[in-house]
Amino acid sequence: MALERQLAESDLAIQFRNIWEDPEAAEFVRTHAHGNEVVPTIQVGETVMVNPTAGDVLSVFNKSVN
C-alpha cells in the first residue's frame, strides 16, 4: 500500500483492479509476472512494471507524456 499512498500524492489517474475478484486482471498479472500473482503490477501506456517503486512509475509516466 505504500506505492498507492505515494502515487496518490502525484495526482495521477489510477485504476485499481482486484486480481482475486477479477479473473481477467489476474491473467494480465500472471502474464507479466512469469506466472505469479505479484501485486502491484502497473501498466503505463505500453509499459508494464512488476512491483515498481513510485519513482519508476513516475519516470515511465513522464517519458510517455513528453
N, C-alpha and C. Protein backbone atom coordinates (compact mmCIF):
# COMPACT_ATOMS: atom_id res chain seq x y z
N MET A 1 0.80 -1.20 0.00
CA MET A 1 0.00 0.00 0.00
C MET A 1 0.85 1.27 0.00
N ALA A 2 2.13 1.13 0.27
CA ALA A 2 2.99 2.31 0.26
C ALA A 2 3.01 2.95 -1.12
N LEU A 3 3.07 2.12 -2.16
CA LEU A 3 3.08 2.65 -3.52
C LEU A 3 1.78 3.41 -3.80
N GLU A 4 0.67 2.87 -3.36
CA GLU A 4 -0.62 3.54 -3.56
C GLU A 4 -0.62 4.92 -2.90
N ARG A 5 -0.13 5.01 -1.69
CA ARG A 5 -0.06 6.31 -0.99
C ARG A 5 0.86 7.28 -1.72
N GLN A 6 2.01 6.79 -2.15
CA GLN A 6 2.97 7.66 -2.83
C GLN A 6 2.41 8.17 -4.15
N LEU A 7 1.74 7.31 -4.90
CA LEU A 7 1.18 7.74 -6.18
C LEU A 7 -0.04 8.64 -6.00
N ALA A 8 -0.76 8.48 -4.89
CA ALA A 8 -1.91 9.34 -4.62
C ALA A 8 -1.47 10.80 -4.51
N GLU A 9 -0.27 11.01 -4.03
CA GLU A 9 0.27 12.37 -3.90
C GLU A 9 0.61 12.98 -5.25
N SER A 10 0.69 12.17 -6.30
CA SER A 10 1.11 12.65 -7.61
C SER A 10 -0.04 13.14 -8.47
N ASP A 11 -1.27 12.90 -8.07
CA ASP A 11 -2.46 13.29 -8.82
C ASP A 11 -2.61 12.53 -10.14
N LEU A 12 -1.96 11.38 -10.29
CA LEU A 12 -2.16 10.55 -11.47
C LEU A 12 -3.54 9.90 -11.41
N ALA A 13 -4.16 9.71 -12.56
CA ALA A 13 -5.40 8.95 -12.62
C ALA A 13 -5.03 7.47 -12.54
N ILE A 14 -5.53 6.78 -11.53
CA ILE A 14 -5.16 5.39 -11.30
C ILE A 14 -6.42 4.53 -11.30
N GLN A 15 -6.34 3.40 -12.00
CA GLN A 15 -7.43 2.43 -11.99
C GLN A 15 -6.95 1.19 -11.24
N PHE A 16 -7.67 0.81 -10.20
CA PHE A 16 -7.31 -0.36 -9.41
C PHE A 16 -8.18 -1.54 -9.82
N ARG A 17 -7.56 -2.72 -9.91
CA ARG A 17 -8.30 -3.94 -10.20
C ARG A 17 -7.84 -5.01 -9.21
N ASN A 18 -8.80 -5.70 -8.62
CA ASN A 18 -8.51 -6.73 -7.64
C ASN A 18 -8.34 -8.07 -8.36
N ILE A 19 -7.12 -8.59 -8.37
CA ILE A 19 -6.87 -9.82 -9.14
C ILE A 19 -7.54 -11.04 -8.51
N TRP A 20 -7.96 -10.97 -7.26
CA TRP A 20 -8.62 -12.10 -6.62
C TRP A 20 -10.13 -12.07 -6.86
N GLU A 21 -10.62 -10.98 -7.43
CA GLU A 21 -12.04 -10.87 -7.78
C GLU A 21 -12.25 -10.72 -9.28
N ASP A 22 -11.20 -10.46 -10.03
CA ASP A 22 -11.29 -10.18 -11.47
C ASP A 22 -10.35 -11.13 -12.23
N PRO A 23 -10.89 -12.22 -12.78
CA PRO A 23 -10.05 -13.21 -13.47
C PRO A 23 -9.24 -12.62 -14.63
N GLU A 24 -9.79 -11.66 -15.34
CA GLU A 24 -9.07 -11.02 -16.45
C GLU A 24 -7.84 -10.27 -15.93
N ALA A 25 -8.01 -9.57 -14.83
CA ALA A 25 -6.89 -8.84 -14.22
C ALA A 25 -5.84 -9.83 -13.71
N ALA A 26 -6.29 -10.93 -13.12
CA ALA A 26 -5.35 -11.94 -12.62
C ALA A 26 -4.52 -12.52 -13.77
N GLU A 27 -5.15 -12.78 -14.89
CA GLU A 27 -4.43 -13.32 -16.05
C GLU A 27 -3.41 -12.31 -16.57
N PHE A 28 -3.78 -11.04 -16.60
CA PHE A 28 -2.86 -9.98 -17.03
C PHE A 28 -1.62 -9.98 -16.14
N VAL A 29 -1.84 -10.03 -14.83
CA VAL A 29 -0.71 -10.01 -13.88
C VAL A 29 0.16 -11.24 -14.06
N ARG A 30 -0.46 -12.42 -14.14
CA ARG A 30 0.33 -13.65 -14.31
C ARG A 30 1.14 -13.62 -15.60
N THR A 31 0.56 -13.07 -16.65
CA THR A 31 1.27 -12.98 -17.93
C THR A 31 2.54 -12.15 -17.81
N HIS A 32 2.47 -11.08 -17.06
CA HIS A 32 3.61 -10.17 -16.95
C HIS A 32 4.53 -10.47 -15.77
N ALA A 33 4.10 -11.35 -14.88
CA ALA A 33 4.90 -11.68 -13.69
C ALA A 33 5.35 -13.14 -13.73
N HIS A 34 5.56 -13.65 -14.93
CA HIS A 34 6.10 -15.01 -15.11
C HIS A 34 5.27 -16.07 -14.39
N GLY A 35 3.93 -15.93 -14.49
CA GLY A 35 3.03 -16.92 -13.91
C GLY A 35 2.66 -16.66 -12.46
N ASN A 36 3.24 -15.65 -11.86
CA ASN A 36 2.97 -15.33 -10.45
C ASN A 36 1.92 -14.24 -10.33
N GLU A 37 1.30 -14.17 -9.17
CA GLU A 37 0.32 -13.12 -8.89
C GLU A 37 0.99 -12.06 -8.02
N VAL A 38 1.86 -11.27 -8.64
CA VAL A 38 2.62 -10.24 -7.94
C VAL A 38 1.86 -8.92 -8.04
N VAL A 39 1.59 -8.35 -6.88
CA VAL A 39 0.97 -7.03 -6.84
C VAL A 39 1.86 -6.11 -6.03
N PRO A 40 2.01 -4.89 -6.44
CA PRO A 40 1.33 -4.29 -7.58
C PRO A 40 2.02 -4.61 -8.91
N THR A 41 1.21 -4.75 -9.92
CA THR A 41 1.67 -4.79 -11.30
C THR A 41 1.02 -3.60 -11.98
N ILE A 42 1.83 -2.73 -12.54
CA ILE A 42 1.38 -1.43 -13.04
C ILE A 42 1.59 -1.34 -14.54
N GLN A 43 0.58 -0.83 -15.25
CA GLN A 43 0.73 -0.56 -16.68
C GLN A 43 0.62 0.94 -16.91
N VAL A 44 1.62 1.48 -17.59
CA VAL A 44 1.61 2.89 -18.02
C VAL A 44 1.81 2.86 -19.52
N GLY A 45 0.77 3.17 -20.26
CA GLY A 45 0.86 3.07 -21.71
C GLY A 45 1.14 1.63 -22.10
N GLU A 46 2.20 1.41 -22.85
CA GLU A 46 2.58 0.07 -23.29
C GLU A 46 3.55 -0.61 -22.32
N THR A 47 3.98 0.09 -21.29
CA THR A 47 4.97 -0.43 -20.34
C THR A 47 4.28 -1.07 -19.14
N VAL A 48 4.69 -2.29 -18.81
CA VAL A 48 4.17 -2.99 -17.63
C VAL A 48 5.32 -3.20 -16.66
N MET A 49 5.09 -2.85 -15.40
CA MET A 49 6.11 -2.97 -14.36
C MET A 49 5.57 -3.83 -13.22
N VAL A 50 6.39 -4.77 -12.76
CA VAL A 50 6.01 -5.64 -11.66
C VAL A 50 6.72 -5.15 -10.40
N ASN A 51 5.91 -4.82 -9.40
CA ASN A 51 6.40 -4.34 -8.11
C ASN A 51 7.37 -3.16 -8.24
N PRO A 52 6.96 -2.12 -8.97
CA PRO A 52 7.85 -0.97 -9.17
C PRO A 52 7.84 -0.02 -7.98
N THR A 53 8.82 0.85 -7.96
CA THR A 53 8.80 1.95 -6.99
C THR A 53 7.95 3.08 -7.56
N ALA A 54 7.56 4.01 -6.72
CA ALA A 54 6.82 5.18 -7.20
C ALA A 54 7.68 5.95 -8.19
N GLY A 55 8.97 6.03 -7.94
CA GLY A 55 9.88 6.72 -8.86
C GLY A 55 9.89 6.08 -10.23
N ASP A 56 9.87 4.74 -10.27
CA ASP A 56 9.82 4.03 -11.56
C ASP A 56 8.55 4.39 -12.32
N VAL A 57 7.43 4.35 -11.63
CA VAL A 57 6.13 4.64 -12.27
C VAL A 57 6.11 6.07 -12.79
N LEU A 58 6.53 7.01 -11.97
CA LEU A 58 6.51 8.41 -12.38
C LEU A 58 7.47 8.67 -13.53
N SER A 59 8.61 8.01 -13.53
CA SER A 59 9.58 8.17 -14.61
C SER A 59 8.99 7.69 -15.94
N VAL A 60 8.38 6.52 -15.94
CA VAL A 60 7.77 5.99 -17.17
C VAL A 60 6.62 6.88 -17.60
N PHE A 61 5.82 7.34 -16.65
CA PHE A 61 4.71 8.23 -16.99
C PHE A 61 5.22 9.52 -17.62
N ASN A 62 6.21 10.14 -17.00
CA ASN A 62 6.74 11.40 -17.53
C ASN A 62 7.32 11.23 -18.92
N LYS A 63 7.98 10.11 -19.19
CA LYS A 63 8.51 9.84 -20.53
C LYS A 63 7.38 9.64 -21.54
N SER A 64 6.26 9.07 -21.10
CA SER A 64 5.16 8.78 -22.02
C SER A 64 4.39 10.04 -22.41
N VAL A 65 4.43 11.07 -21.59
CA VAL A 65 3.69 12.30 -21.91
C VAL A 65 4.57 13.36 -22.56
N ASN A 66 5.85 13.14 -22.60
CA ASN A 66 6.77 14.12 -23.21
C ASN A 66 7.25 13.68 -24.56
